[in-house]
């Protein structure tokens, strides 16, 4: 018997999903559905948009208004939807490559505009769907099919990128810290402006196997042992934080929202005609 959450928020005829065994994306997808349920949102007033990649399979399984768009362009499509139908709750599901490589320009400008879109980045540190190429978040020195001797690039910190570009809500969770991730997504949806939540995922098939990270369970345990909440980190020394990464809420501010500012221009034009 499927759970009520699955019955209410997923397309039963599209399940089971085709993600690899041990992939963390299912946990991240569930967190979004659970956040929507907790907030009591009307399914017909929610639009979920994705680009291309492993993460972008999610809208096919989710029973909302959904758009599966082109590579890197999810935020461009989502911007159009939000401007045309500002009353909709627009949520973007994207991957680290989809969001920060080909879609990087759309990301920084959506953040700069502070348009009311919630973006959840499923970060598995690699291009999983297309064969294991290294991505903008692959750690320096790690392996990929296009980096057989190790990646020499420095990785993006996507939350820092979004925050510096103007996003008004920024957070990071992990597949291991699933309950916390639900709360972070809830707060991102409630924020009136551009929200970005990075979900640190698990890719045992390409990233894990190529970099000898062990099983999916091993990678989840690594998340458990290396993630530090930002509130806890404030009390720790730099030595204690060596080799760790931060999770939690990084930014939560209030700024003018783009579609509301755009509506003011429309109203002024109508008044002056």
C-alpha atoms as a PDB file:
ATOM      1  CA  UNK A   1       0.000   0.000   0.000  1.00  0.00           C
ATOM      2  CA  UNK A   2       1.479   3.330  -1.067  1.00  0.00           C
ATOM      3  CA  UNK A   3       1.701   6.073   1.536  1.00  0.00           C
ATOM      4  CA  UNK A   4      -0.762   8.960   1.518  1.00  0.00           C
ATOM      5  CA  UNK A   5       2.053  11.314   0.499  1.00  0.00           C
ATOM      6  CA  UNK A   6       2.787   9.244  -2.610  1.00  0.00           C
ATOM      7  CA  UNK A   7      -0.874   8.834  -3.492  1.00  0.00           C
ATOM      8  CA  UNK A   8      -1.586  12.551  -3.149  1.00  0.00           C
ATOM      9  CA  UNK A   9       1.514  14.098  -4.709  1.00  0.00           C
ATOM     10  CA  UNK A  10       2.936  11.597  -7.190  1.00  0.00           C
ATOM     11  CA  UNK A  11       1.818  10.132 -10.503  1.00  0.00           C
ATOM     12  CA  UNK A  12       1.363   6.516  -9.501  1.00  0.00           C
ATOM     13  CA  UNK A  13       1.444   5.309 -13.098  1.00  0.00           C
ATOM     14  CA  UNK A  14       4.981   6.733 -13.503  1.00  0.00           C
ATOM     15  CA  UNK A  15       6.412   4.864 -10.512  1.00  0.00           C
ATOM     16  CA  UNK A  16       8.726   3.211  -9.632  1.00  0.00           C
ATOM     17  CA  UNK A  17      11.322   5.793 -10.646  1.00  0.00           C
ATOM     18  CA  UNK A  18      14.337   4.934 -12.818  1.00  0.00           C
ATOM     19  CA  UNK A  19      17.072   6.432 -10.630  1.00  0.00           C
ATOM     20  CA  UNK A  20      19.887   4.057  -9.747  1.00  0.00           C
ATOM     21  CA  UNK A  21      19.721   2.013  -6.533  1.00  0.00           C
ATOM     22  CA  UNK A  22      21.128   4.147  -3.732  1.00  0.00           C
ATOM     23  CA  UNK A  23      20.619   7.475  -5.528  1.00  0.00           C
ATOM     24  CA  UNK A  24      19.747  10.274  -3.107  1.00  0.00           C
ATOM     25  CA  UNK A  25      17.418  12.060  -5.502  1.00  0.00           C
ATOM     26  CA  UNK A  26      14.329  10.195  -4.308  1.00  0.00           C
ATOM     27  CA  UNK A  27      14.913  11.479  -0.776  1.00  0.00           C
ATOM     28  CA  UNK A  28      15.263  15.050  -2.052  1.00  0.00           C
ATOM     29  CA  UNK A  29      12.149  14.726  -4.205  1.00  0.00           C
ATOM     30  CA  UNK A  30      10.168  13.439  -1.230  1.00  0.00           C
ATOM     31  CA  UNK A  31      11.371  16.398   0.848  1.00  0.00           C
ATOM     32  CA  UNK A  32       9.816  18.789  -1.668  1.00  0.00           C
ATOM     33  CA  UNK A  33       6.501  16.920  -1.682  1.00  0.00           C
ATOM     34  CA  UNK A  34       6.497  16.771   2.126  1.00  0.00           C
ATOM     35  CA  UNK A  35       7.189  20.512   2.372  1.00  0.00           C
ATOM     36  CA  UNK A  36       4.288  21.229   0.014  1.00  0.00           C
ATOM     37  CA  UNK A  37       2.031  18.974   2.083  1.00  0.00           C
ATOM     38  CA  UNK A  38       3.094  20.606   5.357  1.00  0.00           C
ATOM     39  CA  UNK A  39       2.361  24.066   3.962  1.00  0.00           C
ATOM     40  CA  UNK A  40      -1.064  22.965   2.711  1.00  0.00           C
ATOM     41  CA  UNK A  41      -0.495  24.314  -0.801  1.00  0.00           C
ATOM     42  CA  UNK A  42      -3.126  23.792  -3.486  1.00  0.00           C
ATOM     43  CA  UNK A  43      -1.669  21.302  -5.994  1.00  0.00           C
ATOM     44  CA  UNK A  44      -3.286  23.192  -8.842  1.00  0.00           C
ATOM     45  CA  UNK A  45      -1.449  26.363  -7.799  1.00  0.00           C
ATOM     46  CA  UNK A  46       1.999  24.722  -7.791  1.00  0.00           C
ATOM     47  CA  UNK A  47       4.190  24.559 -10.909  1.00  0.00           C
ATOM     48  CA  UNK A  48       7.372  22.488 -10.860  1.00  0.00           C
ATOM     49  CA  UNK A  49       9.962  23.139 -13.572  1.00  0.00           C
ATOM     50  CA  UNK A  50      13.137  21.218 -14.408  1.00  0.00           C
ATOM     51  CA  UNK A  51      15.875  21.225 -17.016  1.00  0.00           C
ATOM     52  CA  UNK A  52      17.828  18.145 -18.094  1.00  0.00           C
ATOM     53  CA  UNK A  53      19.713  15.626 -15.970  1.00  0.00           C
ATOM     54  CA  UNK A  54      19.120  12.985 -13.314  1.00  0.00           C
ATOM     55  CA  UNK A  55      17.458  15.535 -11.016  1.00  0.00           C
ATOM     56  CA  UNK A  56      15.225  16.766 -13.791  1.00  0.00           C
ATOM     57  CA  UNK A  57      13.408  13.444 -13.994  1.00  0.00           C
ATOM     58  CA  UNK A  58      11.604  14.399 -10.767  1.00  0.00           C
ATOM     59  CA  UNK A  59       8.726  16.481 -12.260  1.00  0.00           C
ATOM     60  CA  UNK A  60       7.712  13.494 -14.368  1.00  0.00           C
ATOM     61  CA  UNK A  61       6.877  11.643 -11.167  1.00  0.00           C
ATOM     62  CA  UNK A  62       5.287  14.549  -9.280  1.00  0.00           C
ATOM     63  CA  UNK A  63       1.564  15.230  -9.672  1.00  0.00           C
ATOM     64  CA  UNK A  64       1.529  19.010 -10.130  1.00  0.00           C
ATOM     65  CA  UNK A  65       1.628  21.382 -13.082  1.00  0.00           C
ATOM     66  CA  UNK A  66       5.050  20.395 -14.416  1.00  0.00           C
ATOM     67  CA  UNK A  67       7.465  21.472 -17.143  1.00  0.00           C
ATOM     68  CA  UNK A  68      10.446  19.355 -18.223  1.00  0.00           C
ATOM     69  CA  UNK A  69      12.434  21.871 -20.242  1.00  0.00           C
ATOM     70  CA  UNK A  70      15.823  22.155 -21.959  1.00  0.00           C
ATOM     71  CA  UNK A  71      19.298  21.828 -20.474  1.00  0.00           C
ATOM     72  CA  UNK A  72      20.171  24.725 -18.193  1.00  0.00           C
ATOM     73  CA  UNK A  73      17.037  26.693 -19.028  1.00  0.00           C
ATOM     74  CA  UNK A  74      14.714  25.690 -16.173  1.00  0.00           C
ATOM     75  CA  UNK A  75      15.012  29.092 -14.508  1.00  0.00           C
ATOM     76  CA  UNK A  76      14.346  30.891 -17.784  1.00  0.00           C
ATOM     77  CA  UNK A  77      11.134  28.917 -18.296  1.00  0.00           C
ATOM     78  CA  UNK A  78      10.214  29.340 -14.624  1.00  0.00           C
ATOM     79  CA  UNK A  79      10.712  33.101 -14.896  1.00  0.00           C
ATOM     80  CA  UNK A  80       8.248  33.186 -17.796  1.00  0.00           C
ATOM     81  CA  UNK A  81       5.713  31.150 -15.842  1.00  0.00           C
ATOM     82  CA  UNK A  82       6.033  33.355 -12.760  1.00  0.00           C
ATOM     83  CA  UNK A  83       5.671  36.593 -14.730  1.00  0.00           C
ATOM     84  CA  UNK A  84       2.632  35.285 -16.623  1.00  0.00           C
ATOM     85  CA  UNK A  85       1.011  33.682 -13.558  1.00  0.00           C
ATOM     86  CA  UNK A  86       2.448  35.346 -10.446  1.00  0.00           C
ATOM     87  CA  UNK A  87      -0.166  33.679  -8.236  1.00  0.00           C
ATOM     88  CA  UNK A  88       1.437  30.278  -8.854  1.00  0.00           C
ATOM     89  CA  UNK A  89       4.018  28.776  -6.497  1.00  0.00           C
ATOM     90  CA  UNK A  90       6.878  28.082  -8.915  1.00  0.00           C
ATOM     91  CA  UNK A  91       9.487  25.519  -7.857  1.00  0.00           C
ATOM     92  CA  UNK A  92      12.556  24.615  -9.909  1.00  0.00           C
ATOM     93  CA  UNK A  93      14.302  21.263  -9.556  1.00  0.00           C
ATOM     94  CA  UNK A  94      17.763  21.292 -11.108  1.00  0.00           C
ATOM     95  CA  UNK A  95      21.142  19.598 -10.842  1.00  0.00           C
ATOM     96  CA  UNK A  96      24.602  20.956 -10.125  1.00  0.00           C
ATOM     97  CA  UNK A  97      25.543  20.835 -13.809  1.00  0.00           C
ATOM     98  CA  UNK A  98      22.157  22.029 -15.051  1.00  0.00           C
ATOM     99  CA  UNK A  99      22.134  24.980 -12.619  1.00  0.00           C
ATOM    100  CA  UNK A 100      25.761  26.049 -12.374  1.00  0.00           C
ATOM    101  CA  UNK A 101      27.270  25.203 -15.773  1.00  0.00           C
ATOM    102  CA  UNK A 102      25.051  25.753 -18.821  1.00  0.00           C
ATOM    103  CA  UNK A 103      22.423  27.331 -16.572  1.00  0.00           C
ATOM    104  CA  UNK A 104      24.797  29.459 -14.505  1.00  0.00           C
ATOM    105  CA  UNK A 105      23.881  32.743 -16.152  1.00  0.00           C
ATOM    106  CA  UNK A 106      20.171  32.123 -15.614  1.00  0.00           C
ATOM    107  CA  UNK A 107      20.896  31.295 -11.967  1.00  0.00           C
ATOM    108  CA  UNK A 108      22.724  34.500 -11.132  1.00  0.00           C
ATOM    109  CA  UNK A 109      20.176  36.705 -12.908  1.00  0.00           C
ATOM    110  CA  UNK A 110      17.160  35.003 -11.327  1.00  0.00           C
ATOM    111  CA  UNK A 111      18.863  35.598  -7.979  1.00  0.00           C
ATOM    112  CA  UNK A 112      19.711  39.192  -8.930  1.00  0.00           C
ATOM    113  CA  UNK A 113      16.090  39.909  -9.847  1.00  0.00           C
ATOM    114  CA  UNK A 114      14.844  38.308  -6.616  1.00  0.00           C
ATOM    115  CA  UNK A 115      11.941  36.745  -8.483  1.00  0.00           C
ATOM    116  CA  UNK A 116       9.698  34.603  -6.285  1.00  0.00           C
ATOM    117  CA  UNK A 117      10.929  31.177  -7.400  1.00  0.00           C
ATOM    118  CA  UNK A 118      12.130  28.391  -5.114  1.00  0.00           C
ATOM    119  CA  UNK A 119      15.068  26.484  -6.609  1.00  0.00           C
ATOM    120  CA  UNK A 120      16.218  23.161  -5.204  1.00  0.00           C
ATOM    121  CA  UNK A 121      19.613  22.049  -6.549  1.00  0.00           C
ATOM    122  CA  UNK A 122      20.093  18.277  -6.423  1.00  0.00           C
ATOM    123  CA  UNK A 123      23.880  18.247  -6.086  1.00  0.00           C
ATOM    124  CA  UNK A 124      25.514  14.860  -6.703  1.00  0.00           C
ATOM    125  CA  UNK A 125      28.901  16.377  -7.684  1.00  0.00           C
ATOM    126  CA  UNK A 126      28.867  14.893 -11.185  1.00  0.00           C
ATOM    127  CA  UNK A 127      26.975  14.625 -14.473  1.00  0.00           C
ATOM    128  CA  UNK A 128      25.247  11.352 -13.643  1.00  0.00           C
ATOM    129  CA  UNK A 129      22.805  10.985 -16.541  1.00  0.00           C
ATOM    130  CA  UNK A 130      25.269  11.495 -19.381  1.00  0.00           C
ATOM    131  CA  UNK A 131      28.144   9.316 -18.263  1.00  0.00           C
ATOM    132  CA  UNK A 132      29.982  10.677 -15.245  1.00  0.00           C
ATOM    133  CA  UNK A 133      31.671  13.829 -16.529  1.00  0.00           C
ATOM    134  CA  UNK A 134      32.954  16.169 -13.814  1.00  0.00           C
ATOM    135  CA  UNK A 135      30.654  19.067 -12.975  1.00  0.00           C
ATOM    136  CA  UNK A 136      31.050  22.589 -11.539  1.00  0.00           C
ATOM    137  CA  UNK A 137      30.789  21.100  -8.023  1.00  0.00           C
ATOM    138  CA  UNK A 138      33.111  18.108  -8.406  1.00  0.00           C
ATOM    139  CA  UNK A 139      35.771  18.536  -5.701  1.00  0.00           C
ATOM    140  CA  UNK A 140      39.273  19.400  -6.914  1.00  0.00           C
ATOM    141  CA  UNK A 141      41.256  16.230  -7.466  1.00  0.00           C
ATOM    142  CA  UNK A 142      38.257  13.925  -7.793  1.00  0.00           C
ATOM    143  CA  UNK A 143      37.763  11.743 -10.833  1.00  0.00           C
ATOM    144  CA  UNK A 144      35.245  11.765 -13.651  1.00  0.00           C
ATOM    145  CA  UNK A 145      35.073  10.277 -17.131  1.00  0.00           C
ATOM    146  CA  UNK A 146      36.344  13.619 -18.445  1.00  0.00           C
ATOM    147  CA  UNK A 147      38.911  13.902 -15.642  1.00  0.00           C
ATOM    148  CA  UNK A 148      40.565  10.466 -15.515  1.00  0.00           C
ATOM    149  CA  UNK A 149      43.623  11.921 -13.746  1.00  0.00           C
ATOM    150  CA  UNK A 150      41.651  14.179 -11.412  1.00  0.00           C
ATOM    151  CA  UNK A 151      39.687  17.401 -11.754  1.00  0.00           C
ATOM    152  CA  UNK A 152      41.921  20.494 -11.589  1.00  0.00           C
ATOM    153  CA  UNK A 153      39.046  23.005 -11.436  1.00  0.00           C
ATOM    154  CA  UNK A 154      37.950  24.619  -8.190  1.00  0.00           C
ATOM    155  CA  UNK A 155      34.322  23.762  -7.392  1.00  0.00           C
ATOM    156  CA  UNK A 156      31.516  26.278  -7.056  1.00  0.00           C
ATOM    157  CA  UNK A 157      29.886  26.732  -3.674  1.00  0.00           C
ATOM    158  CA  UNK A 158      26.374  27.123  -5.106  1.00  0.00           C
ATOM    159  CA  UNK A 159      24.732  28.640  -2.004  1.00  0.00           C
ATOM    160  CA  UNK A 160      27.489  31.279  -1.765  1.00  0.00           C
ATOM    161  CA  UNK A 161      27.093  31.984  -5.482  1.00  0.00           C
ATOM    162  CA  UNK A 162      23.328  32.465  -5.118  1.00  0.00           C
ATOM    163  CA  UNK A 163      23.646  34.575  -1.981  1.00  0.00           C
ATOM    164  CA  UNK A 164      26.224  36.900  -3.527  1.00  0.00           C
ATOM    165  CA  UNK A 165      24.063  37.262  -6.659  1.00  0.00           C
ATOM    166  CA  UNK A 166      21.110  38.494  -4.610  1.00  0.00           C
ATOM    167  CA  UNK A 167      19.012  35.490  -3.538  1.00  0.00           C
ATOM    168  CA  UNK A 168      17.097  36.392  -0.389  1.00  0.00           C
ATOM    169  CA  UNK A 169      16.805  32.859   1.031  1.00  0.00           C
ATOM    170  CA  UNK A 170      19.735  30.436   0.812  1.00  0.00           C
ATOM    171  CA  UNK A 171      20.224  27.103   2.559  1.00  0.00           C
ATOM    172  CA  UNK A 172      21.839  23.685   2.256  1.00  0.00           C
ATOM    173  CA  UNK A 173      20.658  20.272   3.406  1.00  0.00           C
ATOM    174  CA  UNK A 174      21.605  16.690   2.646  1.00  0.00           C
ATOM    175  CA  UNK A 175      19.923  13.433   1.759  1.00  0.00           C
ATOM    176  CA  UNK A 176      20.978  12.113   5.181  1.00  0.00           C
ATOM    177  CA  UNK A 177      19.456  15.061   7.079  1.00  0.00           C
ATOM    178  CA  UNK A 178      16.093  14.530   5.405  1.00  0.00           C
ATOM    179  CA  UNK A 179      13.851  16.069   8.080  1.00  0.00           C
ATOM    180  CA  UNK A 180      15.934  19.243   8.212  1.00  0.00           C
ATOM    181  CA  UNK A 181      15.784  19.476   4.413  1.00  0.00           C
ATOM    182  CA  UNK A 182      11.977  19.456   4.507  1.00  0.00           C
ATOM    183  CA  UNK A 183      12.018  22.462   6.852  1.00  0.00           C
ATOM    184  CA  UNK A 184      14.532  24.330   4.688  1.00  0.00           C
ATOM    185  CA  UNK A 185      12.378  23.801   1.589  1.00  0.00           C
ATOM    186  CA  UNK A 186       9.314  24.991   3.517  1.00  0.00           C
ATOM    187  CA  UNK A 187      11.074  28.218   4.483  1.00  0.00           C
ATOM    188  CA  UNK A 188      12.316  28.683   0.926  1.00  0.00           C
ATOM    189  CA  UNK A 189       8.775  28.407  -0.420  1.00  0.00           C
ATOM    190  CA  UNK A 190       7.487  30.844   2.201  1.00  0.00           C
ATOM    191  CA  UNK A 191      10.130  33.424   1.307  1.00  0.00           C
ATOM    192  CA  UNK A 192       8.797  36.139  -0.993  1.00  0.00           C
ATOM    193  CA  UNK A 193      11.749  36.309  -3.364  1.00  0.00           C
ATOM    194  CA  UNK A 194      14.354  34.072  -4.934  1.00  0.00           C
ATOM    195  CA  UNK A 195      15.156  31.059  -2.755  1.00  0.00           C
ATOM    196  CA  UNK A 196      17.855  28.472  -3.328  1.00  0.00           C
ATOM    197  CA  UNK A 197      18.234  25.299  -1.324  1.00  0.00           C
ATOM    198  CA  UNK A 198      21.093  22.973  -2.192  1.00  0.00           C
ATOM    199  CA  UNK A 199      20.353  19.325  -1.490  1.00  0.00           C
ATOM    200  CA  UNK A 200      23.571  17.318  -1.208  1.00  0.00           C
ATOM    201  CA  UNK A 201      22.675  14.040  -2.891  1.00  0.00           C
ATOM    202  CA  UNK A 202      24.232  10.607  -3.332  1.00  0.00           C
ATOM    203  CA  UNK A 203      25.534   9.153  -6.625  1.00  0.00           C
ATOM    204  CA  UNK A 204      27.015   5.708  -5.952  1.00  0.00           C
ATOM    205  CA  UNK A 205      26.958   4.695  -9.624  1.00  0.00           C
ATOM    206  CA  UNK A 206      29.296   7.300 -11.105  1.00  0.00           C
ATOM    207  CA  UNK A 207      30.705   9.652  -8.479  1.00  0.00           C
ATOM    208  CA  UNK A 208      30.942   7.057  -5.733  1.00  0.00           C
ATOM    209  CA  UNK A 209      32.317   4.267  -7.876  1.00  0.00           C
ATOM    210  CA  UNK A 210      34.891   6.377  -9.704  1.00  0.00           C
ATOM    211  CA  UNK A 211      36.149   7.955  -6.492  1.00  0.00           C
ATOM    212  CA  UNK A 212      36.035   4.787  -4.379  1.00  0.00           C
ATOM    213  CA  UNK A 213      33.551   6.270  -1.922  1.00  0.00           C
ATOM    214  CA  UNK A 214      31.981   2.899  -1.160  1.00  0.00           C
ATOM    215  CA  UNK A 215      28.296   2.080  -1.166  1.00  0.00           C
ATOM    216  CA  UNK A 216      25.383   4.486  -1.016  1.00  0.00           C
ATOM    217  CA  UNK A 217      25.215   3.786   2.722  1.00  0.00           C
ATOM    218  CA  UNK A 218      28.891   4.695   3.073  1.00  0.00           C
ATOM    219  CA  UNK A 219      28.292   8.008   1.300  1.00  0.00           C
ATOM    220  CA  UNK A 220      25.287   8.743   3.525  1.00  0.00           C
ATOM    221  CA  UNK A 221      27.426   8.046   6.590  1.00  0.00           C
ATOM    222  CA  UNK A 222      30.037  10.441   5.189  1.00  0.00           C
ATOM    223  CA  UNK A 223      27.349  13.137   5.000  1.00  0.00           C
ATOM    224  CA  UNK A 224      26.370  12.386   8.589  1.00  0.00           C
ATOM    225  CA  UNK A 225      29.951  12.642   9.827  1.00  0.00           C
ATOM    226  CA  UNK A 226      31.099  15.674   7.802  1.00  0.00           C
ATOM    227  CA  UNK A 227      28.080  18.000   7.762  1.00  0.00           C
ATOM    228  CA  UNK A 228      28.009  20.681  10.464  1.00  0.00           C
ATOM    229  CA  UNK A 229      25.035  22.956  11.044  1.00  0.00           C
ATOM    230  CA  UNK A 230      25.997  26.597  10.605  1.00  0.00           C
ATOM    231  CA  UNK A 231      24.734  27.449  14.099  1.00  0.00           C
ATOM    232  CA  UNK A 232      27.011  24.800  15.613  1.00  0.00           C
ATOM    233  CA  UNK A 233      29.904  25.866  13.382  1.00  0.00           C
ATOM    234  CA  UNK A 234      29.868  29.340  14.919  1.00  0.00           C
ATOM    235  CA  UNK A 235      31.125  27.794  18.166  1.00  0.00           C
ATOM    236  CA  UNK A 236      33.850  25.635  16.590  1.00  0.00           C
ATOM    237  CA  UNK A 237      37.455  26.445  15.735  1.00  0.00           C
ATOM    238  CA  UNK A 238      38.872  26.360  12.221  1.00  0.00           C
ATOM    239  CA  UNK A 239      40.737  23.187  13.195  1.00  0.00           C
ATOM    240  CA  UNK A 240      37.503  21.513  14.272  1.00  0.00           C
ATOM    241  CA  UNK A 241      35.873  22.490  10.964  1.00  0.00           C
ATOM    242  CA  UNK A 242      38.715  21.157   8.827  1.00  0.00           C
ATOM    243  CA  UNK A 243      37.306  18.789   6.187  1.00  0.00           C
ATOM    244  CA  UNK A 244      33.700  19.577   7.134  1.00  0.00           C
ATOM    245  CA  UNK A 245      30.946  21.314   5.161  1.00  0.00           C
ATOM    246  CA  UNK A 246      28.142  23.530   6.416  1.00  0.00           C
ATOM    247  CA  UNK A 247      24.412  22.862   6.293  1.00  0.00           C
ATOM    248  CA  UNK A 248      21.428  24.867   7.466  1.00  0.00           C
ATOM    249  CA  UNK A 249      20.090  28.328   6.711  1.00  0.00           C
ATOM    250  CA  UNK A 250      22.711  30.709   5.344  1.00  0.00           C
ATOM    251  CA  UNK A 251      20.666  33.768   4.352  1.00  0.00           C
ATOM    252  CA  UNK A 252      17.141  35.018   5.016  1.00  0.00           C
ATOM    253  CA  UNK A 253      16.486  38.645   4.109  1.00  0.00           C
ATOM    254  CA  UNK A 254      13.653  40.768   2.737  1.00  0.00           C
ATOM    255  CA  UNK A 255      14.014  42.689  -0.532  1.00  0.00           C
ATOM    256  CA  UNK A 256      11.534  43.902  -3.188  1.00  0.00           C
ATOM    257  CA  UNK A 257      10.180  40.978  -5.221  1.00  0.00           C
ATOM    258  CA  UNK A 258      10.442  41.123  -9.015  1.00  0.00           C
ATOM    259  CA  UNK A 259       6.899  40.304 -10.157  1.00  0.00           C
ATOM    260  CA  UNK A 260       5.447  42.802  -7.679  1.00  0.00           C
ATOM    261  CA  UNK A 261       7.811  45.513  -8.897  1.00  0.00           C
ATOM    262  CA  UNK A 262       6.929  44.633 -12.500  1.00  0.00           C
ATOM    263  CA  UNK A 263       3.222  44.905 -11.698  1.00  0.00           C
ATOM    264  CA  UNK A 264       3.813  48.447 -10.406  1.00  0.00           C
ATOM    265  CA  UNK A 265       5.184  49.391 -13.833  1.00  0.00           C
ATOM    266  CA  UNK A 266       2.134  47.870 -15.540  1.00  0.00           C
ATOM    267  CA  UNK A 267      -0.229  49.695 -13.181  1.00  0.00           C
ATOM    268  CA  UNK A 268       1.584  52.996 -13.775  1.00  0.00           C
ATOM    269  CA  UNK A 269       1.403  52.514 -17.536  1.00  0.00           C
ATOM    270  CA  UNK A 270      -2.341  51.845 -17.382  1.00  0.00           C
ATOM    271  CA  UNK A 271      -2.900  54.871 -15.174  1.00  0.00           C
ATOM    272  CA  UNK A 272      -0.940  57.190 -17.485  1.00  0.00           C
ATOM    273  CA  UNK A 273      -2.541  56.041 -20.728  1.00  0.00           C
END
